[in-house]
Each structure stands twice: as C-alpha cells, then as structure tokens.
Protein backbone atom coordinates (compact mmCIF):
# COMPACT_ATOMS: atom_id res chain seq x y z
CA MET A 1 1.23 55.44 18.99
CA THR A 2 2.78 52.07 18.28
CA ASP A 3 4.96 51.46 15.16
CA LEU A 4 3.12 48.36 13.43
CA LYS A 5 6.26 47.77 11.46
CA SER A 6 7.99 47.19 14.93
CA THR A 7 5.63 44.73 16.08
CA ALA A 8 5.28 42.55 12.89
CA ALA A 9 7.14 39.51 12.57
CA PRO A 10 10.75 39.60 11.02
CA PRO A 11 10.95 38.84 7.24
CA ALA A 12 12.85 35.69 7.89
CA THR A 13 10.44 34.47 10.32
CA ARG A 14 7.54 35.11 7.95
CA ARG A 15 9.47 33.32 5.10
CA PHE A 16 10.08 30.33 7.24
CA ALA A 17 6.26 29.93 8.29
CA ASP A 18 5.36 30.26 4.66
CA HIS A 19 7.93 27.27 3.71
CA LEU A 20 7.12 25.28 6.69
CA GLY A 21 4.99 22.74 4.89
CA PRO A 22 7.36 22.35 1.68
CA LEU A 23 10.30 22.05 3.88
CA ALA A 24 8.94 19.30 6.12
CA SER A 25 7.66 17.62 2.84
CA ALA A 26 11.14 17.77 1.39
CA ALA A 27 12.90 16.51 4.70
CA GLY A 28 10.43 13.76 4.97
CA MET A 29 10.60 12.51 1.63
CA ALA A 30 14.31 12.71 1.64
CA PHE A 31 14.19 10.55 5.00
CA VAL A 32 12.19 7.91 3.40
CA VAL A 33 14.07 7.86 0.04
CA TRP A 34 17.30 7.58 2.29
CA GLN A 35 15.80 4.40 4.20
CA ALA A 36 14.87 2.78 0.66
CA VAL A 37 18.23 3.44 -0.56
CA ILE A 38 20.30 2.00 2.37
CA HIS A 39 18.22 -0.95 2.73
CA GLY A 40 18.23 -1.87 -1.15
CA LEU A 41 15.43 -3.11 -3.38
CA PRO A 42 13.45 -5.99 -2.04
CA ALA A 43 14.31 -9.24 -3.69
CA ALA A 44 10.54 -9.80 -4.45
CA LEU A 45 10.66 -6.74 -6.71
CA ALA A 46 14.01 -7.29 -8.22
CA THR A 47 12.86 -10.97 -9.34
CA ALA A 48 9.46 -10.40 -10.54
CA PRO A 49 9.02 -7.09 -12.07
CA GLY A 50 5.86 -8.12 -14.07
CA GLU A 51 4.13 -9.16 -10.82
CA SER A 52 5.28 -5.96 -9.07
CA LEU A 53 3.92 -3.97 -12.02
CA ALA A 54 0.60 -5.64 -11.66
CA VAL A 55 0.53 -5.04 -7.98
CA LEU A 56 1.22 -1.36 -8.31
CA LEU A 57 -1.44 -0.92 -10.97
CA GLY A 58 -4.04 -2.70 -8.62
CA ALA A 59 -2.93 -0.32 -5.80
CA THR A 60 -3.24 2.58 -8.32
CA GLY A 61 -6.79 1.21 -9.24
CA LEU A 62 -7.86 1.08 -5.29
CA GLN A 63 -6.55 4.55 -4.81
CA ALA A 64 -8.55 5.92 -7.73
CA LEU A 65 -11.50 4.04 -6.14
CA GLY A 66 -10.76 6.08 -2.90
CA ALA A 67 -10.84 9.20 -4.78
CA VAL A 68 -14.27 8.43 -6.32
CA LEU A 69 -15.71 7.46 -2.93
CA THR A 70 -14.52 10.73 -1.57
CA GLY A 71 -16.05 12.75 -4.61
CA ILE A 72 -19.14 11.35 -4.00
CA GLY A 73 -19.10 12.28 -0.49
CA TRP A 74 -18.17 15.99 -1.22
CA VAL A 75 -21.06 16.04 -4.13
CA VAL A 76 -23.23 14.89 -1.31
CA LEU A 77 -22.06 17.58 1.27
CA LEU A 78 -22.36 20.19 -1.43
CA ARG A 79 -25.86 19.44 -2.48
CA LEU A 80 -26.91 19.32 1.11
CA LEU A 81 -25.38 22.43 2.50
CA VAL A 82 -25.17 24.59 -0.65
CA ARG A 83 -27.83 23.17 -3.14
CA PRO A 84 -26.01 24.44 -6.36
CA THR A 85 -27.83 24.41 -9.77
CA MET A 86 -25.34 22.32 -11.43
CA ARG A 87 -25.72 18.66 -12.54
CA LYS A 88 -23.86 15.87 -10.44
CA SER A 89 -21.90 14.94 -13.17
CA CYS A 90 -20.36 18.08 -13.39
CA LEU A 91 -19.88 18.45 -9.77
CA PHE A 92 -18.17 15.14 -9.48
CA GLY A 93 -15.99 16.10 -12.27
CA ILE A 94 -15.05 19.47 -10.40
CA PHE A 95 -13.82 17.17 -7.65
CA LEU A 96 -11.70 14.79 -9.52
CA TYR A 97 -10.21 17.46 -11.73
CA THR A 98 -8.74 19.45 -8.83
CA GLN A 99 -7.30 16.26 -7.26
CA LEU A 100 -3.87 17.23 -8.59
CA ASP A 101 -4.03 20.76 -6.96
CA ARG A 102 -3.29 18.99 -3.74
CA TYR A 103 0.31 18.70 -4.78
CA ARG A 104 0.92 22.60 -5.17
CA PRO A 105 2.44 24.35 -2.48
CA GLY A 106 0.38 25.96 0.03
CA ASN A 107 -2.31 23.15 0.03
CA VAL A 108 -5.11 25.87 -0.32
CA LEU A 109 -5.24 25.85 -4.32
CA GLN A 110 -7.35 22.88 -4.58
CA TYR A 111 -10.14 24.71 -2.55
CA ALA A 112 -9.55 28.02 -4.67
CA HIS A 113 -9.70 26.08 -7.85
CA ARG A 114 -12.88 24.14 -6.87
CA HIS A 115 -14.49 27.52 -5.82
CA ALA A 116 -13.59 29.16 -9.10
CA ALA A 117 -15.58 26.51 -11.06
CA LEU A 118 -18.46 26.84 -8.64
CA ALA A 119 -18.60 30.47 -8.44
CA PRO A 120 -20.18 31.18 -12.05
CA PHE A 121 -23.32 29.34 -10.55
CA GLY A 122 -23.72 31.40 -7.58
CA VAL A 123 -21.77 29.57 -4.91
CA THR A 124 -20.15 32.20 -2.57
CA ILE A 125 -16.75 32.06 -0.88
CA GLY A 126 -18.57 31.35 2.51
CA GLU A 127 -20.44 28.36 1.18
CA SER A 128 -17.51 26.90 -0.34
CA LEU A 129 -15.69 27.17 2.89
CA THR A 130 -18.62 25.80 4.58
CA VAL A 131 -18.59 22.70 2.37
CA ALA A 132 -14.71 22.33 2.80
CA MET A 133 -15.28 22.44 6.83
CA ALA A 134 -17.93 19.78 6.46
CA GLU A 135 -15.59 17.78 4.19
CA ALA A 136 -12.77 17.87 6.99
CA LEU A 137 -15.12 17.16 9.69
CA CYS A 138 -16.31 13.96 7.96
CA LEU A 139 -12.66 12.96 7.10
CA LEU A 140 -11.79 13.64 10.86
CA THR A 141 -14.47 11.70 12.17
CA ALA A 142 -13.55 8.56 9.80
CA THR A 143 -10.20 8.85 11.07
CA GLY A 144 -11.31 8.74 14.70
CA VAL A 145 -13.66 5.93 14.23
CA LEU A 146 -11.03 3.80 12.32
CA VAL A 147 -8.32 4.43 14.96
CA GLY A 148 -10.75 4.04 17.82
CA LEU A 149 -12.00 0.92 16.35
CA ALA A 150 -8.61 -0.62 15.94
CA ALA A 151 -7.64 0.22 19.39
CA ALA A 152 -10.90 -1.21 20.81
CA LEU A 153 -10.27 -4.54 18.90
CA GLY A 154 -6.56 -4.80 20.12
CA ARG A 155 -5.17 -4.46 16.52
CA PHE A 156 -2.42 -2.24 17.86
CA ASP A 157 0.56 -3.70 19.83
CA TRP A 158 0.85 -0.20 21.53
CA SER A 159 4.55 -0.27 21.12
CA LEU A 160 6.12 3.36 20.90
CA PRO A 161 5.39 4.24 17.37
CA PHE A 162 1.77 2.90 17.60
CA ARG A 163 1.06 4.28 20.69
CA ILE A 164 2.26 7.86 19.58
CA ALA A 165 0.18 7.48 16.20
CA GLY A 166 -2.92 6.20 18.05
CA GLU A 167 -3.07 8.67 20.84
CA PHE A 168 -1.94 11.61 18.32
CA SER A 169 -4.73 10.81 15.95
CA LEU A 170 -7.46 10.50 18.63
CA ALA A 171 -6.40 13.73 20.18
CA VAL A 172 -6.03 15.80 17.26
CA THR A 173 -9.16 14.19 15.79
CA GLY A 174 -11.07 15.21 18.78
CA MET A 175 -9.74 18.75 19.05
CA ALA A 176 -10.11 19.58 15.25
CA GLY A 177 -13.55 17.87 15.16
CA VAL A 178 -14.88 20.04 18.06
CA ALA A 179 -13.28 22.99 16.47
CA LEU A 180 -14.99 22.46 13.07
CA LEU A 181 -18.06 21.57 14.57
CA VAL A 182 -17.95 24.98 16.41
CA MET A 183 -17.22 26.79 13.33
CA VAL A 184 -20.24 25.14 11.53
CA VAL A 185 -22.41 25.72 14.31
CA LEU A 186 -21.86 29.62 14.06
CA GLN A 187 -23.42 29.27 10.78
CA ARG A 188 -26.98 28.62 11.92
CA SER A 189 -28.46 28.22 8.14
CA VAL A 190 -25.98 25.05 7.92
CA VAL A 191 -27.05 23.80 11.17
CA ALA A 192 -30.57 23.96 10.10
CA ARG A 193 -30.03 22.28 6.77
CA VAL A 194 -27.89 19.45 8.53
CA PHE A 195 -30.43 18.59 11.17
CA ALA A 196 -33.46 19.65 9.20
CA SER A 197 -34.55 15.99 8.69
CA ARG A 198 -33.45 12.57 9.24
CA ARG A 199 -32.69 12.44 5.61
CA ALA A 200 -30.15 15.29 5.95
CA VAL A 201 -28.41 13.55 8.93
CA ALA A 202 -28.43 10.49 7.05
CA ARG A 203 -26.48 12.06 4.16
CA MET A 204 -23.83 13.34 6.58
CA LEU A 205 -23.24 9.71 8.05
CA PHE A 206 -23.23 8.45 4.40
CA ALA A 207 -20.39 10.97 3.60
CA VAL A 208 -18.38 9.76 6.88
CA GLY A 209 -19.27 6.10 5.71
CA LEU A 210 -17.58 6.78 2.23
CA ASP A 211 -14.55 8.32 3.81
CA ILE A 212 -14.20 5.15 5.93
CA ALA A 213 -14.42 3.17 2.85
CA THR A 214 -11.79 5.36 1.30
CA PHE A 215 -9.35 4.62 3.99
CA ALA A 216 -10.30 1.04 3.63
CA ALA A 217 -9.40 1.25 -0.10
CA MET A 218 -6.07 2.61 0.98
CA GLY A 219 -5.63 -0.04 3.34
CA LEU A 220 -6.20 -2.71 0.67
CA ALA A 221 -3.76 -0.95 -1.55
CA LEU A 222 -1.10 -1.06 1.31
CA ASP A 223 -2.09 -4.70 1.79
CA ALA A 224 -1.28 -5.53 -1.59
CA LEU A 225 2.19 -3.93 -1.58
CA ILE A 226 3.09 -5.62 1.66
CA GLY A 227 1.98 -8.89 0.24
CA LEU A 228 4.50 -8.50 -2.58
CA VAL A 229 7.36 -7.35 -0.53
CA ALA A 230 6.76 -9.15 2.90
CA PRO A 231 4.12 -11.99 1.90
CA ASP A 232 4.84 -13.87 5.38
CA VAL A 233 3.74 -10.81 7.43
CA THR A 234 0.50 -11.09 9.47
CA ARG A 235 -1.90 -8.08 8.68
CA ASP A 236 -5.57 -7.25 8.74
CA LEU A 237 -7.56 -4.53 7.22
CA VAL A 238 -8.53 -2.80 10.02
CA SER A 239 -5.24 -2.27 11.35
CA LEU A 240 -3.81 -1.16 7.82
CA SER A 241 -6.97 1.27 7.37
CA ALA A 242 -6.33 2.85 10.83
CA ILE A 243 -2.37 3.16 9.74
CA CYS A 244 -3.43 5.10 6.50
CA ALA A 245 -6.07 7.22 8.42
CA ALA A 246 -3.26 8.32 10.97
CA ALA A 247 -0.56 8.91 8.30
CA TRP A 248 -3.58 11.09 6.40
CA LEU A 249 -4.17 12.96 9.59
CA ALA A 250 -0.46 13.84 9.99
CA GLY A 251 -0.19 15.31 6.48
CA PHE A 252 -3.64 17.36 6.93
CA VAL A 253 -2.51 18.90 10.05
CA MET A 254 1.00 19.89 8.77
CA PRO A 255 0.33 23.52 7.19
CA GLY A 256 1.30 23.83 3.49
CA ALA A 257 2.56 20.23 3.12
CA PRO A 258 1.22 19.47 -0.48
CA ALA A 259 -0.99 16.57 -0.31
CA GLY A 260 0.69 15.60 3.00
CA LEU A 261 3.80 14.47 0.73
CA GLY A 262 6.52 13.44 2.91
CA VAL A 263 4.88 13.70 6.20
CA ARG A 264 2.57 10.66 5.48
CA GLU A 265 5.44 8.78 4.12
CA VAL A 266 7.42 9.45 7.33
CA VAL A 267 4.50 8.30 9.70
CA LEU A 268 3.96 5.02 7.43
CA THR A 269 7.51 4.15 7.59
CA VAL A 270 7.73 4.51 11.12
CA LEU A 271 4.73 2.55 11.83
CA LEU A 272 5.30 -0.21 9.22
CA ALA A 273 9.12 -0.80 9.90
CA PRO A 274 8.46 -2.86 13.08
CA VAL A 275 6.15 -5.32 11.32
CA VAL A 276 7.53 -5.53 7.51
CA GLY A 277 11.02 -4.61 8.49
CA THR A 278 13.56 -3.00 5.95
CA GLY A 279 11.19 -3.07 3.03
CA ALA A 280 8.85 -0.45 4.58
CA ALA A 281 10.31 2.58 2.80
CA VAL A 282 9.87 1.04 -0.40
CA ILE A 283 6.39 0.09 0.16
CA VAL A 284 5.45 3.56 1.28
CA LEU A 285 7.11 4.95 -1.94
CA ALA A 286 5.13 2.63 -4.03
CA LEU A 287 2.01 3.62 -2.15
CA ARG A 288 2.54 7.32 -2.80
CA LEU A 289 3.40 6.56 -6.44
CA ALA A 290 0.10 4.68 -6.78
CA ALA A 291 -1.68 7.49 -5.36
CA ILE A 292 -0.01 10.09 -7.74
CA LEU A 293 -1.03 7.98 -10.57
CA ALA A 294 -4.63 7.64 -9.36
CA ASP A 295 -4.88 11.45 -8.93
CA ALA A 296 -3.73 12.02 -12.33
CA LEU A 297 -6.13 9.49 -13.73
CA ALA A 298 -9.08 11.12 -11.70
CA ALA A 299 -8.05 14.68 -12.85
CA GLY A 300 -8.12 13.38 -16.43
CA ALA A 301 -11.49 11.66 -16.05
CA GLY A 302 -12.77 14.78 -14.40
CA ARG A 303 -11.83 17.10 -17.18
CA LEU A 304 -13.72 14.80 -19.77
CA MET A 305 -16.82 14.75 -17.24
CA MET A 306 -16.60 18.75 -17.10
CA LEU A 307 -16.36 19.08 -20.87
CA HIS A 308 -19.43 16.64 -21.45
CA ALA A 309 -21.69 17.79 -18.51
CA HIS A 310 -22.77 20.83 -20.16
CA PRO A 311 -23.83 22.41 -16.74
CA ARG A 312 -26.79 24.88 -16.77
CA PRO A 313 -26.43 28.45 -15.80
CA PRO A 314 -27.89 29.42 -12.29
CA VAL A 315 -31.82 30.04 -12.71
CA GLY A 316 -32.54 30.27 -8.65
CA ALA A 317 -34.10 26.67 -8.76
CA ASP A 318 -32.58 23.34 -7.29
CA ALA A 319 -31.49 21.20 -9.75
CA ARG A 320 -31.52 17.94 -7.77
C-alpha cells in the first residue's frame, strides 16, 4: 500500500507554491521602484507639482470610471446567469465594496467576499463560480480584441518587447478563453440561459464591450500620465489600451499576485521604456497609485450603497 505522505510534495515546495504570487509581486515592484530611483524624478514632476497632482487625480477618476464599467458588466452577468433577488444597487455596491480585496494575498478573497454577501440571498457557491468564470471570459475576450485590433492596425512596431507581449496575450487569451468556455459549457443550464435568446447574447456582448471600455479608460489614464512626463511622445489610445490589457493579463495569469501587483508594473515598464525613455517606471508607479486610490474610492462608495440599498430577502421570485 502506497504511503501518501511519501508521495506528497515536500513542505518547502508547497510553501514556495503558496508564496509564488506574493514573491513575484514583491520582486516586480522592487524592480520598478529601482528603475524609478536610478533614473530620478522627471523634471516635469519636480517643477510642476500642482499640475502633477491634477493629472494624478484625473487618472484616478478614469480608473474609478473603469471600476464602475466593470461593475456594471458584473451585475449584468450575475442577473443573466444567476438571477438573484437583490436590487441592482445592492449588487453594484457589493462589487465596488470588494474592489480592495484584490490586494489581499491569494487573489481569491475577493470572490469569497462577494459570495459571502450573495449567499444569504440564495446564491450558491457553484453559481458564484459560474459568474466569476463568465466575468473572466469576458475580460479575456476584451483583451484579445484590443491586442488583436492594435496588431491589425499596425500600432505595434513589433520590437522584441511588443512582440513577446502581443503574442503572449493572444496565446494566453485564446487558451484561457477556450478552457473557460469548456467549463461553462459543462453546465448546461448556464449555456441555456446565455443562448436562450438574442437578448441574452446581447448582454454577454455588452459585458465584453464594457470591459473594452474599462481598458480604454486605463489607456486614457496612462495617456494623461505620459503626457505629463513625456509630452512630445507620439501615442494613440488603441495601442495604450492594448498595452494596459496585456499588462492586466500578465497579472491575471500569475497565481496569487494581489491585483497583479508588480507583475503588471514590470510589463508596463518594459513596454513603455522604448517609447517614453527613463520616465517609464515613474509613470507606471503613478498609474498604480491612481488605481489604488480609485479602488479605495470604489470600496467606500460600495459600502454606502450596500448600507442604503436595503436588499430584500429571497422570496423565490426574480426581482428584476
């Protein structure tokens, strides 16, 4: 009889696997901060602190807009696939309130927190996972669309960093999209709801469109920061949105990286450095700061919405 203890992974290996995401995040942030320190603060930031603060606040607002758009998409998917008896305002508040949970180690507590808020209203763990899979599928589709569009329009010069990021994004998007689609297909009730009518299909496409708009908002925030540090650099929204989507994807596929912290920053720094020069790391750090501020604002707004929504208990009827 085989001894299960002998075939188990060594404790050191298990610990390394558990801490891979946080270690990658720490290493990535250390690299980006080191790049920012060795190159110094850009002159535009040092000479115009007031303007810099205004641009940072503007970038924060755009990131918050992205959170709102993604939240609307999540509510659409939840009401399509699960049909909870909660009001829209409460559902939207739950999404916003759990934004900061992305920064906790493990990168799964956000989904656990969402389910804990939905469970009293009859939403099962399986249904919560189904919505999470559908949400990821829409985000991956949006990433593939943006990267593919930028490539088709010739917005990438296909130097080595862009080539690696572009091909990596398309390949991972395709594989993960197929895998998630298979997982969703295995639940026939979900497929029946998604393809039950043109309206259901339209809602799925609407969620994808909102995710594309979210990446576009991130691209606008990045454009504002680049304009402050390197105003003479030629740039366009399609390529910047695709870069943000590729960086998001890198953080998404890194297990346990809190909100993709560090991983996304490295990707953005590598992709922006050939274009904006030595100020790339500072731009990327400012973009992350704007994202954290936006998530904090979203969490506060979500908490207020949850307190004032007064959701009704489940009564077995659809509350839409």
